Amino acid sequence: MKEYKNLKFLNSAKGQEEKIRILAQESKKGWRVASENIVPGKFKGKDACCLFLIFAPCAFLAGHTEGEIHVTLERVKK
């Protein structure tokens, strides 16, 4: 029988470091990565004008959060 565990990390350099550290710990306990997905961040601003975004595309990107990395671990339970 398999058991599953879901983990979330920020999609940033610090989040990547944490993910590597946690996954190393979990692998010692018999867990392995079954899947990994990056979920993009959402736009923080509420009122974004389309014309503004055409003339200032960098401002649109700056308004996004970092997003998350979703990791599913699995282990065979004996």
PDB file of N, CA and C in Angstrom:
ATOM      1  N   MET A   1       0.836  -1.170   0.000  1.00  0.00           N
ATOM      2  CA  MET A   1       0.000   0.000   0.000  1.00  0.00           C
ATOM      3  C   MET A   1       0.890   1.246   0.000  1.00  0.00           C
ATOM      4  N   LYS A   2       0.497   2.261  -0.782  1.00  0.00           N
ATOM      5  CA  LYS A   2       1.277   3.495  -0.874  1.00  0.00           C
ATOM      6  C   LYS A   2       0.639   4.578  -0.021  1.00  0.00           C
ATOM      7  N   GLU A   3       1.494   5.398   0.596  1.00  0.00           N
ATOM      8  CA  GLU A   3       0.999   6.591   1.271  1.00  0.00           C
ATOM      9  C   GLU A   3       1.589   7.804   0.557  1.00  0.00           C
ATOM     10  N   TYR A   4       0.872   8.923   0.647  1.00  0.00           N
ATOM     11  CA  TYR A   4       1.276  10.141  -0.042  1.00  0.00           C
ATOM     12  C   TYR A   4       1.348  11.297   0.934  1.00  0.00           C
ATOM     13  N   LYS A   5       2.226  12.239   0.603  1.00  0.00           N
ATOM     14  CA  LYS A   5       2.397  13.440   1.405  1.00  0.00           C
ATOM     15  C   LYS A   5       2.584  14.608   0.447  1.00  0.00           C
ATOM     16  N   ASN A   6       1.898  15.718   0.696  1.00  0.00           N
ATOM     17  CA  ASN A   6       2.019  16.910  -0.143  1.00  0.00           C
ATOM     18  C   ASN A   6       2.781  17.999   0.600  1.00  0.00           C
ATOM     19  N   LEU A   7       3.711  18.625  -0.101  1.00  0.00           N
ATOM     20  CA  LEU A   7       4.508  19.714   0.461  1.00  0.00           C
ATOM     21  C   LEU A   7       4.418  20.926  -0.453  1.00  0.00           C
ATOM     22  N   LYS A   8       4.551  22.134   0.132  1.00  0.00           N
ATOM     23  CA  LYS A   8       4.543  23.378  -0.646  1.00  0.00           C
ATOM     24  C   LYS A   8       5.749  24.217  -0.251  1.00  0.00           C
ATOM     25  N   PHE A   9       6.365  24.819  -1.268  1.00  0.00           N
ATOM     26  CA  PHE A   9       7.512  25.696  -1.057  1.00  0.00           C
ATOM     27  C   PHE A   9       7.338  26.930  -1.931  1.00  0.00           C
ATOM     28  N   LEU A  10       7.894  28.065  -1.501  1.00  0.00           N
ATOM     29  CA  LEU A  10       7.882  29.257  -2.337  1.00  0.00           C
ATOM     30  C   LEU A  10       8.762  29.029  -3.558  1.00  0.00           C
ATOM     31  N   ASN A  11       8.352  29.555  -4.692  1.00  0.00           N
ATOM     32  CA  ASN A  11       9.140  29.453  -5.917  1.00  0.00           C
ATOM     33  C   ASN A  11      10.149  30.605  -5.934  1.00  0.00           C
ATOM     34  N   SER A  12      11.153  30.482  -5.086  1.00  0.00           N
ATOM     35  CA  SER A  12      12.212  31.481  -4.965  1.00  0.00           C
ATOM     36  C   SER A  12      13.499  30.727  -4.641  1.00  0.00           C
ATOM     37  N   ALA A  13      14.593  31.447  -4.608  1.00  0.00           N
ATOM     38  CA  ALA A  13      15.873  30.805  -4.281  1.00  0.00           C
ATOM     39  C   ALA A  13      15.818  30.201  -2.878  1.00  0.00           C
ATOM     40  N   LYS A  14      15.255  30.939  -1.938  1.00  0.00           N
ATOM     41  CA  LYS A  14      15.152  30.441  -0.566  1.00  0.00           C
ATOM     42  C   LYS A  14      14.224  29.224  -0.504  1.00  0.00           C
ATOM     43  N   GLY A  15      13.128  29.260  -1.260  1.00  0.00           N
ATOM     44  CA  GLY A  15      12.199  28.132  -1.311  1.00  0.00           C
ATOM     45  C   GLY A  15      12.843  26.887  -1.913  1.00  0.00           C
ATOM     46  N   GLN A  16      13.674  27.091  -2.941  1.00  0.00           N
ATOM     47  CA  GLN A  16      14.381  25.964  -3.564  1.00  0.00           C
ATOM     48  C   GLN A  16      15.361  25.326  -2.578  1.00  0.00           C
ATOM     49  N   GLU A  17      16.062  26.164  -1.810  1.00  0.00           N
ATOM     50  CA  GLU A  17      16.993  25.642  -0.808  1.00  0.00           C
ATOM     51  C   GLU A  17      16.249  24.821   0.248  1.00  0.00           C
ATOM     52  N   GLU A  18      15.111  25.355   0.691  1.00  0.00           N
ATOM     53  CA  GLU A  18      14.313  24.638   1.688  1.00  0.00           C
ATOM     54  C   GLU A  18      13.805  23.314   1.128  1.00  0.00           C
ATOM     55  N   LYS A  19      13.353  23.333  -0.134  1.00  0.00           N
ATOM     56  CA  LYS A  19      12.851  22.112  -0.779  1.00  0.00           C
ATOM     57  C   LYS A  19      13.930  21.039  -0.816  1.00  0.00           C
ATOM     58  N   ILE A  20      15.129  21.397  -1.218  1.00  0.00           N
ATOM     59  CA  ILE A  20      16.225  20.434  -1.302  1.00  0.00           C
ATOM     60  C   ILE A  20      16.542  19.856   0.069  1.00  0.00           C
ATOM     61  N   ARG A  21      16.567  20.718   1.087  1.00  0.00           N
ATOM     62  CA  ARG A  21      16.870  20.270   2.446  1.00  0.00           C
ATOM     63  C   ARG A  21      15.804  19.310   2.972  1.00  0.00           C
ATOM     64  N   ILE A  22      14.522  19.662   2.778  1.00  0.00           N
ATOM     65  CA  ILE A  22      13.410  18.829   3.256  1.00  0.00           C
ATOM     66  C   ILE A  22      13.359  17.501   2.500  1.00  0.00           C
ATOM     67  N   LEU A  23      13.540  17.548   1.183  1.00  0.00           N
ATOM     68  CA  LEU A  23      13.490  16.315   0.401  1.00  0.00           C
ATOM     69  C   LEU A  23      14.621  15.361   0.776  1.00  0.00           C
ATOM     70  N   ALA A  24      15.787  15.895   1.128  1.00  0.00           N
ATOM     71  CA  ALA A  24      16.893  15.039   1.571  1.00  0.00           C
ATOM     72  C   ALA A  24      16.522  14.340   2.876  1.00  0.00           C
ATOM     73  N   GLN A  25      15.878  15.076   3.788  1.00  0.00           N
ATOM     74  CA  GLN A  25      15.439  14.487   5.060  1.00  0.00           C
ATOM     75  C   GLN A  25      14.383  13.408   4.829  1.00  0.00           C
ATOM     76  N   GLU A  26      13.418  13.718   3.967  1.00  0.00           N
ATOM     77  CA  GLU A  26      12.317  12.786   3.714  1.00  0.00           C
ATOM     78  C   GLU A  26      12.785  11.527   2.986  1.00  0.00           C
ATOM     79  N   SER A  27      13.788  11.665   2.124  1.00  0.00           N
ATOM     80  CA  SER A  27      14.278  10.478   1.400  1.00  0.00           C
ATOM     81  C   SER A  27      14.911   9.473   2.361  1.00  0.00           C
ATOM     82  N   LYS A  28      15.491   9.961   3.445  1.00  0.00           N
ATOM     83  CA  LYS A  28      16.067   9.068   4.458  1.00  0.00           C
ATOM     84  C   LYS A  28      14.979   8.273   5.180  1.00  0.00           C
ATOM     85  N   LYS A  29      13.745   8.779   5.136  1.00  0.00           N
ATOM     86  CA  LYS A  29      12.608   8.107   5.776  1.00  0.00           C
ATOM     87  C   LYS A  29      11.846   7.219   4.795  1.00  0.00           C
ATOM     88  N   GLY A  30      12.370   7.079   3.563  1.00  0.00           N
ATOM     89  CA  GLY A  30      11.738   6.201   2.584  1.00  0.00           C
ATOM     90  C   GLY A  30      10.797   6.893   1.610  1.00  0.00           C
ATOM     91  N   TRP A  31      10.674   8.221   1.677  1.00  0.00           N
ATOM     92  CA  TRP A  31       9.813   8.960   0.759  1.00  0.00           C
ATOM     93  C   TRP A  31      10.566   9.260  -0.531  1.00  0.00           C
ATOM     94  N   ARG A  32       9.831   9.281  -1.651  1.00  0.00           N
ATOM     95  CA  ARG A  32      10.410   9.689  -2.936  1.00  0.00           C
ATOM     96  C   ARG A  32       9.439  10.625  -3.634  1.00  0.00           C
ATOM     97  N   VAL A  33       9.957  11.453  -4.526  1.00  0.00           N
ATOM     98  CA  VAL A  33       9.125  12.426  -5.237  1.00  0.00           C
ATOM     99  C   VAL A  33       8.285  11.710  -6.287  1.00  0.00           C
ATOM    100  N   ALA A  34       6.955  11.857  -6.178  1.00  0.00           N
ATOM    101  CA  ALA A  34       6.042  11.279  -7.162  1.00  0.00           C
ATOM    102  C   ALA A  34       5.721  12.309  -8.248  1.00  0.00           C
ATOM    103  N   SER A  35       5.592  13.580  -7.843  1.00  0.00           N
ATOM    104  CA  SER A  35       5.340  14.649  -8.818  1.00  0.00           C
ATOM    105  C   SER A  35       5.752  15.983  -8.229  1.00  0.00           C
ATOM    106  N   GLU A  36       6.036  16.920  -9.124  1.00  0.00           N
ATOM    107  CA  GLU A  36       6.413  18.271  -8.722  1.00  0.00           C
ATOM    108  C   GLU A  36       5.833  19.240  -9.741  1.00  0.00           C
ATOM    109  N   ASN A  37       5.113  20.246  -9.261  1.00  0.00           N
ATOM    110  CA  ASN A  37       4.491  21.241 -10.137  1.00  0.00           C
ATOM    111  C   ASN A  37       4.782  22.633  -9.614  1.00  0.00           C
ATOM    112  N   ILE A  38       4.932  23.577 -10.539  1.00  0.00           N
ATOM    113  CA  ILE A  38       5.086  24.973 -10.159  1.00  0.00           C
ATOM    114  C   ILE A  38       3.761  25.670 -10.450  1.00  0.00           C
ATOM    115  N   VAL A  39       3.195  26.264  -9.408  1.00  0.00           N
ATOM    116  CA  VAL A  39       1.933  26.999  -9.530  1.00  0.00           C
ATOM    117  C   VAL A  39       2.297  28.478  -9.580  1.00  0.00           C
ATOM    118  N   PRO A  40       1.975  29.166 -10.691  1.00  0.00           N
ATOM    119  CA  PRO A  40       2.364  30.569 -10.813  1.00  0.00           C
ATOM    120  C   PRO A  40       1.681  31.435  -9.763  1.00  0.00           C
ATOM    121  N   GLY A  41       2.344  32.542  -9.446  1.00  0.00           N
ATOM    122  CA  GLY A  41       1.780  33.498  -8.499  1.00  0.00           C
ATOM    123  C   GLY A  41       0.619  34.257  -9.109  1.00  0.00           C
ATOM    124  N   LYS A  42      -0.123  34.901  -8.251  1.00  0.00           N
ATOM    125  CA  LYS A  42      -1.267  35.693  -8.700  1.00  0.00           C
ATOM    126  C   LYS A  42      -0.897  37.158  -8.695  1.00  0.00           C
ATOM    127  N   PHE A  43      -1.647  37.946  -9.474  1.00  0.00           N
ATOM    128  CA  PHE A  43      -1.414  39.378  -9.534  1.00  0.00           C
ATOM    129  C   PHE A  43      -1.909  40.017  -8.247  1.00  0.00           C
ATOM    130  N   LYS A  44      -1.063  40.801  -7.591  1.00  0.00           N
ATOM    131  CA  LYS A  44      -1.403  41.403  -6.310  1.00  0.00           C
ATOM    132  C   LYS A  44      -2.332  42.607  -6.449  1.00  0.00           C
ATOM    133  N   GLY A  45      -2.211  43.330  -7.538  1.00  0.00           N
ATOM    134  CA  GLY A  45      -3.028  44.537  -7.719  1.00  0.00           C
ATOM    135  C   GLY A  45      -4.453  44.204  -8.094  1.00  0.00           C
ATOM    136  N   LYS A  46      -5.400  45.019  -7.638  1.00  0.00           N
ATOM    137  CA  LYS A  46      -6.809  44.764  -7.950  1.00  0.00           C
ATOM    138  C   LYS A  46      -7.237  45.457  -9.235  1.00  0.00           C
ATOM    139  N   ASP A  47      -6.808  46.702  -9.438  1.00  0.00           N
ATOM    140  CA  ASP A  47      -7.272  47.502 -10.567  1.00  0.00           C
ATOM    141  C   ASP A  47      -6.140  47.727 -11.556  1.00  0.00           C
ATOM    142  N   ALA A  48      -5.983  46.807 -12.484  1.00  0.00           N
ATOM    143  CA  ALA A  48      -4.945  46.941 -13.499  1.00  0.00           C
ATOM    144  C   ALA A  48      -5.592  47.365 -14.810  1.00  0.00           C
ATOM    145  N   CYS A  49      -5.108  48.436 -15.379  1.00  0.00           N
ATOM    146  CA  CYS A  49      -5.639  48.953 -16.640  1.00  0.00           C
ATOM    147  C   CYS A  49      -4.879  48.313 -17.796  1.00  0.00           C
ATOM    148  N   CYS A  50      -5.604  47.866 -18.820  1.00  0.00           N
ATOM    149  CA  CYS A  50      -4.970  47.207 -19.965  1.00  0.00           C
ATOM    150  C   CYS A  50      -4.004  48.132 -20.685  1.00  0.00           C
ATOM    151  N   LEU A  51      -4.355  49.412 -20.844  1.00  0.00           N
ATOM    152  CA  LEU A  51      -3.457  50.348 -21.516  1.00  0.00           C
ATOM    153  C   LEU A  51      -2.157  50.503 -20.742  1.00  0.00           C
ATOM    154  N   PHE A  52      -2.263  50.557 -19.441  1.00  0.00           N
ATOM    155  CA  PHE A  52      -1.057  50.674 -18.623  1.00  0.00           C
ATOM    156  C   PHE A  52      -0.169  49.452 -18.835  1.00  0.00           C
ATOM    157  N   LEU A  53      -0.771  48.297 -18.930  1.00  0.00           N
ATOM    158  CA  LEU A  53       0.007  47.065 -19.097  1.00  0.00           C
ATOM    159  C   LEU A  53       0.682  47.002 -20.458  1.00  0.00           C
ATOM    160  N   ILE A  54       0.062  47.609 -21.464  1.00  0.00           N
ATOM    161  CA  ILE A  54       0.672  47.638 -22.800  1.00  0.00           C
ATOM    162  C   ILE A  54       1.908  48.530 -22.783  1.00  0.00           C
ATOM    163  N   PHE A  55       1.811  49.660 -22.107  1.00  0.00           N
ATOM    164  CA  PHE A  55       2.925  50.611 -22.097  1.00  0.00           C
ATOM    165  C   PHE A  55       3.974  50.311 -21.029  1.00  0.00           C
ATOM    166  N   ALA A  56       3.612  49.539 -20.041  1.00  0.00           N
ATOM    167  CA  ALA A  56       4.566  49.234 -18.968  1.00  0.00           C
ATOM    168  C   ALA A  56       4.483  47.748 -18.587  1.00  0.00           C
ATOM    169  N   PRO A  57       4.896  46.846 -19.497  1.00  0.00           N
ATOM    170  CA  PRO A  57       4.769  45.412 -19.194  1.00  0.00           C
ATOM    171  C   PRO A  57       5.580  44.974 -17.975  1.00  0.00           C
ATOM    172  N   CYS A  58       6.657  45.683 -17.665  1.00  0.00           N
ATOM    173  CA  CYS A  58       7.454  45.313 -16.493  1.00  0.00           C
ATOM    174  C   CYS A  58       6.664  45.520 -15.203  1.00  0.00           C
ATOM    175  N   ALA A  59       5.801  46.512 -15.175  1.00  0.00           N
ATOM    176  CA  ALA A  59       4.990  46.761 -13.983  1.00  0.00           C
ATOM    177  C   ALA A  59       4.037  45.601 -13.741  1.00  0.00           C
ATOM    178  N   PHE A  60       3.560  44.985 -14.815  1.00  0.00           N
ATOM    179  CA  PHE A  60       2.665  43.832 -14.682  1.00  0.00           C
ATOM    180  C   PHE A  60       3.410  42.670 -14.034  1.00  0.00           C
ATOM    181  N   LEU A  61       4.620  42.410 -14.486  1.00  0.00           N
ATOM    182  CA  LEU A  61       5.409  41.311 -13.925  1.00  0.00           C
ATOM    183  C   LEU A  61       5.793  41.590 -12.472  1.00  0.00           C
ATOM    184  N   ALA A  62       6.057  42.845 -12.147  1.00  0.00           N
ATOM    185  CA  ALA A  62       6.440  43.198 -10.785  1.00  0.00           C
ATOM    186  C   ALA A  62       5.280  43.007  -9.813  1.00  0.00           C
ATOM    187  N   GLY A  63       4.052  43.002 -10.317  1.00  0.00           N
ATOM    188  CA  GLY A  63       2.886  42.847  -9.456  1.00  0.00           C
ATOM    189  C   GLY A  63       2.540  41.408  -9.143  1.00  0.00           C
ATOM    190  N   HIS A  64       3.288  40.457  -9.649  1.00  0.00           N
ATOM    191  CA  HIS A  64       3.012  39.046  -9.398  1.00  0.00           C
ATOM    192  C   HIS A  64       3.722  38.553  -8.146  1.00  0.00           C
ATOM    193  N   THR A  65       3.075  37.637  -7.456  1.00  0.00           N
ATOM    194  CA  THR A  65       3.737  36.965  -6.337  1.00  0.00           C
ATOM    195  C   THR A  65       4.651  35.884  -6.900  1.00  0.00           C
ATOM    196  N   GLU A  66       5.472  35.290  -6.077  1.00  0.00           N
ATOM    197  CA  GLU A  66       6.464  34.330  -6.545  1.00  0.00           C
ATOM    198  C   GLU A  66       5.870  32.999  -6.979  1.00  0.00           C
ATOM    199  N   GLY A  67       4.738  32.625  -6.459  1.00  0.00           N
ATOM    200  CA  GLY A  67       4.167  31.333  -6.782  1.00  0.00           C
ATOM    201  C   GLY A  67       4.680  30.274  -5.823  1.00  0.00           C
ATOM    202  N   GLU A  68       4.267  29.043  -6.065  1.00  0.00           N
ATOM    203  CA  GLU A  68       4.632  27.948  -5.172  1.00  0.00           C
ATOM    204  C   GLU A  68       5.076  26.723  -5.962  1.00  0.00           C
ATOM    205  N   ILE A  69       5.868  25.905  -5.304  1.00  0.00           N
ATOM    206  CA  ILE A  69       6.250  24.608  -5.844  1.00  0.00           C
ATOM    207  C   ILE A  69       5.491  23.578  -5.022  1.00  0.00           C
ATOM    208  N   HIS A  70       4.677  22.770  -5.686  1.00  0.00           N
ATOM    209  CA  HIS A  70       3.917  21.716  -5.011  1.00  0.00           C
ATOM    210  C   HIS A  70       4.600  20.389  -5.305  1.00  0.00           C
ATOM    211  N   VAL A  71       4.967  19.685  -4.249  1.00  0.00           N
ATOM    212  CA  VAL A  71       5.653  18.393  -4.378  1.00  0.00           C
ATOM    213  C   VAL A  71       4.808  17.320  -3.708  1.00  0.00           C
ATOM    214  N   THR A  72       4.574  16.229  -4.420  1.00  0.00           N
ATOM    215  CA  THR A  72       3.882  15.079  -3.853  1.00  0.00           C
ATOM    216  C   THR A  72       4.902  13.971  -3.646  1.00  0.00           C
ATOM    217  N   LEU A  73       4.969  13.489  -2.412  1.00  0.00           N
ATOM    218  CA  LEU A  73       5.877  12.396  -2.074  1.00  0.00           C
ATOM    219  C   LEU A  73       5.072  11.116  -1.911  1.00  0.00           C
ATOM    220  N   GLU A  74       5.702   9.995  -2.215  1.00  0.00           N
ATOM    221  CA  GLU A  74       5.048   8.715  -1.997  1.00  0.00           C
ATOM    222  C   GLU A  74       6.033   7.748  -1.342  1.00  0.00           C
ATOM    223  N   ARG A  75       5.476   6.803  -0.614  1.00  0.00           N
ATOM    224  CA  ARG A  75       6.300   5.771   0.007  1.00  0.00           C
ATOM    225  C   ARG A  75       5.444   4.506   0.106  1.00  0.00           C
ATOM    226  N   VAL A  76       6.085   3.390  -0.113  1.00  0.00           N
ATOM    227  CA  VAL A  76       5.381   2.108  -0.017  1.00  0.00           C
ATOM    228  C   VAL A  76       5.367   1.710   1.440  1.00  0.00           C
ATOM    229  N   LYS A  77       4.164   1.545   1.953  1.00  0.00           N
ATOM    230  CA  LYS A  77       3.976   1.145   3.354  1.00  0.00           C
ATOM    231  C   LYS A  77       3.970  -0.370   3.422  1.00  0.00           C
ATOM    232  N   LYS A  78       4.781  -0.924   4.295  1.00  0.00           N
ATOM    233  CA  LYS A  78       4.896  -2.380   4.394  1.00  0.00           C
ATOM    234  C   LYS A  78       4.024  -2.935   5.478  1.00  0.00           C
TER     235      LYS A  78
END
